């Protein structure tokens, strides 16, 4: 039960080292799944492979949301700050899906194919969403990946690095 709380819990705080380790593990699992997809498709069949990979994908997403939430807590921010990133990303995905023309022979979505003339309005909102996502992504990268959390306890719990210690104590010279 403690492992599930560590992987998928939304309470408490997390320091940068644990955050980066969790994020790197998610990325490596995602790459491994991408490489194993053709093998799983031939062994288990297309439908079973898709269901299994979607379930694992949802678990990875839940783990990422958990990582971001606890890291935001360490910065003394609510986990709801993630919506700054999630909502524009979801809108962009919906826009791209709605205007996807067809799925090609390779399984790739052929975007904008014959509908290009219908999409003359598309670049401005898409550009604004992409710009917003870029700015917010940089903000999240700095906040979650590089800045130290709140020193000492905050409203989300104790400091994951322990009690605050002064970096250096000055000693008088000549005594």
Protein backbone atom coordinates (compact mmCIF):
# COMPACT_ATOMS: atom_id res chain seq x y z
CA UNK A 1 0.00 0.00 0.00
CA UNK A 2 2.90 2.34 0.72
CA UNK A 3 4.22 1.75 -2.82
CA UNK A 4 0.86 2.76 -4.33
CA UNK A 5 0.83 5.90 -2.18
CA UNK A 6 4.36 6.70 -3.34
CA UNK A 7 3.53 6.15 -7.03
CA UNK A 8 0.01 7.55 -7.21
CA UNK A 9 -0.52 9.62 -4.05
CA UNK A 10 -1.47 13.27 -4.27
CA UNK A 11 -0.69 14.37 -0.73
CA UNK A 12 2.61 15.45 0.71
CA UNK A 13 5.71 16.87 -0.86
CA UNK A 14 8.48 15.63 -3.15
CA UNK A 15 11.98 16.98 -3.65
CA UNK A 16 13.59 17.57 -7.05
CA UNK A 17 15.70 14.39 -7.10
CA UNK A 18 12.71 12.09 -6.55
CA UNK A 19 10.71 14.11 -9.11
CA UNK A 20 13.39 13.73 -11.81
CA UNK A 21 13.81 10.00 -11.08
CA UNK A 22 10.07 9.44 -11.42
CA UNK A 23 9.86 11.50 -14.60
CA UNK A 24 12.82 9.69 -16.19
CA UNK A 25 11.27 6.31 -15.28
CA UNK A 26 8.01 7.36 -16.97
CA UNK A 27 9.87 8.43 -20.10
CA UNK A 28 11.86 5.17 -20.23
CA UNK A 29 8.70 3.09 -19.75
CA UNK A 30 7.02 5.06 -22.54
CA UNK A 31 9.96 4.46 -24.88
CA UNK A 32 10.00 0.74 -23.99
CA UNK A 33 6.25 0.46 -24.67
CA UNK A 34 6.70 2.17 -28.02
CA UNK A 35 9.42 -0.30 -28.97
CA UNK A 36 7.42 -3.32 -27.73
CA UNK A 37 4.20 -2.37 -29.52
CA UNK A 38 4.87 -4.35 -32.74
CA UNK A 39 5.84 -7.46 -30.77
CA UNK A 40 2.81 -7.18 -28.48
CA UNK A 41 0.57 -6.71 -31.51
CA UNK A 42 1.81 -9.93 -33.14
CA UNK A 43 1.68 -11.96 -29.90
CA UNK A 44 -1.54 -10.72 -28.28
CA UNK A 45 -3.47 -9.30 -31.19
CA UNK A 46 -4.31 -5.72 -31.96
CA UNK A 47 -7.27 -5.21 -29.61
CA UNK A 48 -5.67 -6.81 -26.54
CA UNK A 49 -2.43 -4.95 -27.18
CA UNK A 50 -4.29 -1.62 -27.45
CA UNK A 51 -6.27 -2.23 -24.26
CA UNK A 52 -3.13 -3.19 -22.35
CA UNK A 53 -1.12 -0.26 -23.63
CA UNK A 54 -3.95 2.19 -22.94
CA UNK A 55 -4.19 0.91 -19.36
CA UNK A 56 -0.45 1.31 -18.88
CA UNK A 57 -0.63 4.76 -20.51
CA UNK A 58 -3.33 5.84 -18.07
CA UNK A 59 -1.24 4.55 -15.16
CA UNK A 60 1.76 6.55 -16.43
CA UNK A 61 -0.44 9.64 -16.77
CA UNK A 62 -1.75 9.20 -13.20
CA UNK A 63 1.85 8.83 -11.99
CA UNK A 64 2.88 12.02 -13.81
CA UNK A 65 -0.04 13.96 -12.32
CA UNK A 66 0.97 12.62 -8.90
CA UNK A 67 4.60 13.69 -9.45
CA UNK A 68 3.59 17.17 -10.57
CA UNK A 69 1.12 17.57 -7.70
CA UNK A 70 3.58 16.64 -4.97
CA UNK A 71 6.31 18.74 -6.56
CA UNK A 72 3.95 21.73 -6.70
CA UNK A 73 3.14 21.07 -3.05
CA UNK A 74 6.86 21.27 -2.29
CA UNK A 75 6.84 24.72 -3.93
CA UNK A 76 3.81 25.59 -1.71
CA UNK A 77 1.41 25.64 -4.65
CA UNK A 78 -1.81 23.71 -5.12
CA UNK A 79 -1.83 20.75 -7.53
CA UNK A 80 -4.64 22.52 -9.40
CA UNK A 81 -1.96 24.73 -11.01
CA UNK A 82 -1.53 21.85 -13.46
CA UNK A 83 -4.72 22.98 -15.18
CA UNK A 84 -2.74 25.91 -16.63
CA UNK A 85 -0.99 23.30 -18.74
CA UNK A 86 -3.61 20.58 -19.08
CA UNK A 87 -6.58 22.59 -20.35
CA UNK A 88 -4.84 24.28 -23.33
CA UNK A 89 -3.13 20.99 -24.19
CA UNK A 90 -6.49 19.15 -24.16
CA UNK A 91 -8.08 21.84 -26.34
CA UNK A 92 -5.21 21.61 -28.82
CA UNK A 93 -5.51 17.81 -28.96
CA UNK A 94 -9.25 18.08 -29.57
CA UNK A 95 -8.72 20.63 -32.34
CA UNK A 96 -6.14 18.40 -34.00
CA UNK A 97 -8.36 15.32 -33.69
CA UNK A 98 -11.40 17.11 -35.06
CA UNK A 99 -9.50 18.26 -38.11
CA UNK A 100 -7.59 15.06 -38.71
CA UNK A 101 -8.47 14.00 -42.22
CA UNK A 102 -7.82 10.29 -42.16
CA UNK A 103 -5.59 7.59 -40.83
CA UNK A 104 -3.05 6.62 -43.46
CA UNK A 105 -1.57 3.26 -44.37
CA UNK A 106 1.14 3.62 -41.73
CA UNK A 107 -1.34 4.37 -38.96
CA UNK A 108 -0.25 8.00 -38.79
CA UNK A 109 -2.94 10.66 -38.73
CA UNK A 110 -2.82 12.72 -41.93
CA UNK A 111 -3.59 16.18 -40.59
CA UNK A 112 -5.21 18.89 -42.66
CA UNK A 113 -4.97 16.93 -45.96
CA UNK A 114 -7.85 18.03 -48.21
CA UNK A 115 -9.40 20.22 -45.50
CA UNK A 116 -6.62 22.80 -45.62
CA UNK A 117 -8.90 25.45 -47.18
CA UNK A 118 -11.45 24.95 -44.38
CA UNK A 119 -8.79 25.62 -41.80
CA UNK A 120 -7.80 29.17 -42.70
CA UNK A 121 -9.00 30.26 -39.24
CA UNK A 122 -6.98 27.52 -37.51
CA UNK A 123 -3.43 28.98 -37.37
CA UNK A 124 -4.23 31.93 -35.05
CA UNK A 125 -5.88 29.99 -32.20
CA UNK A 126 -3.49 27.09 -32.61
CA UNK A 127 -0.52 29.44 -32.48
CA UNK A 128 -1.89 31.10 -29.35
CA UNK A 129 -2.41 27.72 -27.68
CA UNK A 130 1.04 26.51 -28.68
CA UNK A 131 2.64 29.76 -27.46
CA UNK A 132 0.73 29.48 -24.16
CA UNK A 133 1.81 25.84 -23.79
CA UNK A 134 5.42 26.81 -24.48
CA UNK A 135 5.44 29.58 -21.90
CA UNK A 136 3.65 27.49 -19.28
CA UNK A 137 5.91 24.48 -20.00
CA UNK A 138 9.02 26.59 -19.40
CA UNK A 139 7.46 27.93 -16.18
CA UNK A 140 6.66 24.38 -15.01
CA UNK A 141 10.15 23.15 -15.94
CA UNK A 142 11.75 25.89 -13.86
CA UNK A 143 9.29 25.58 -10.94
CA UNK A 144 9.26 21.79 -10.72
CA UNK A 145 12.64 20.80 -12.04
CA UNK A 146 15.09 23.41 -10.84
CA UNK A 147 13.81 25.53 -7.95
CA UNK A 148 14.14 24.27 -4.40
CA UNK A 149 10.97 23.63 -2.49
CA UNK A 150 9.81 25.63 0.50
CA UNK A 151 12.37 25.42 3.29
CA UNK A 152 10.81 23.85 6.36
CA UNK A 153 7.21 22.73 6.69
CA UNK A 154 4.46 24.29 4.61
CA UNK A 155 0.69 23.73 4.36
CA UNK A 156 1.27 20.46 2.46
CA UNK A 157 3.58 18.81 4.96
CA UNK A 158 7.14 18.67 6.28
CA UNK A 159 10.18 19.48 4.16
CA UNK A 160 11.18 16.28 2.29
CA UNK A 161 14.83 17.24 2.76
CA UNK A 162 14.48 17.50 6.53
CA UNK A 163 14.81 20.49 8.79
CA UNK A 164 16.33 23.63 7.36
CA UNK A 165 20.01 23.92 8.17
CA UNK A 166 22.09 27.03 7.57
CA UNK A 167 24.42 26.53 4.61
CA UNK A 168 27.41 27.91 6.49
CA UNK A 169 28.05 29.19 10.00
CA UNK A 170 30.52 32.01 10.33
CA UNK A 171 33.09 31.72 13.11
CA UNK A 172 34.77 34.78 14.60
CA UNK A 173 38.45 35.15 13.73
CA UNK A 174 41.02 35.33 16.50
CA UNK A 175 39.27 33.50 19.32
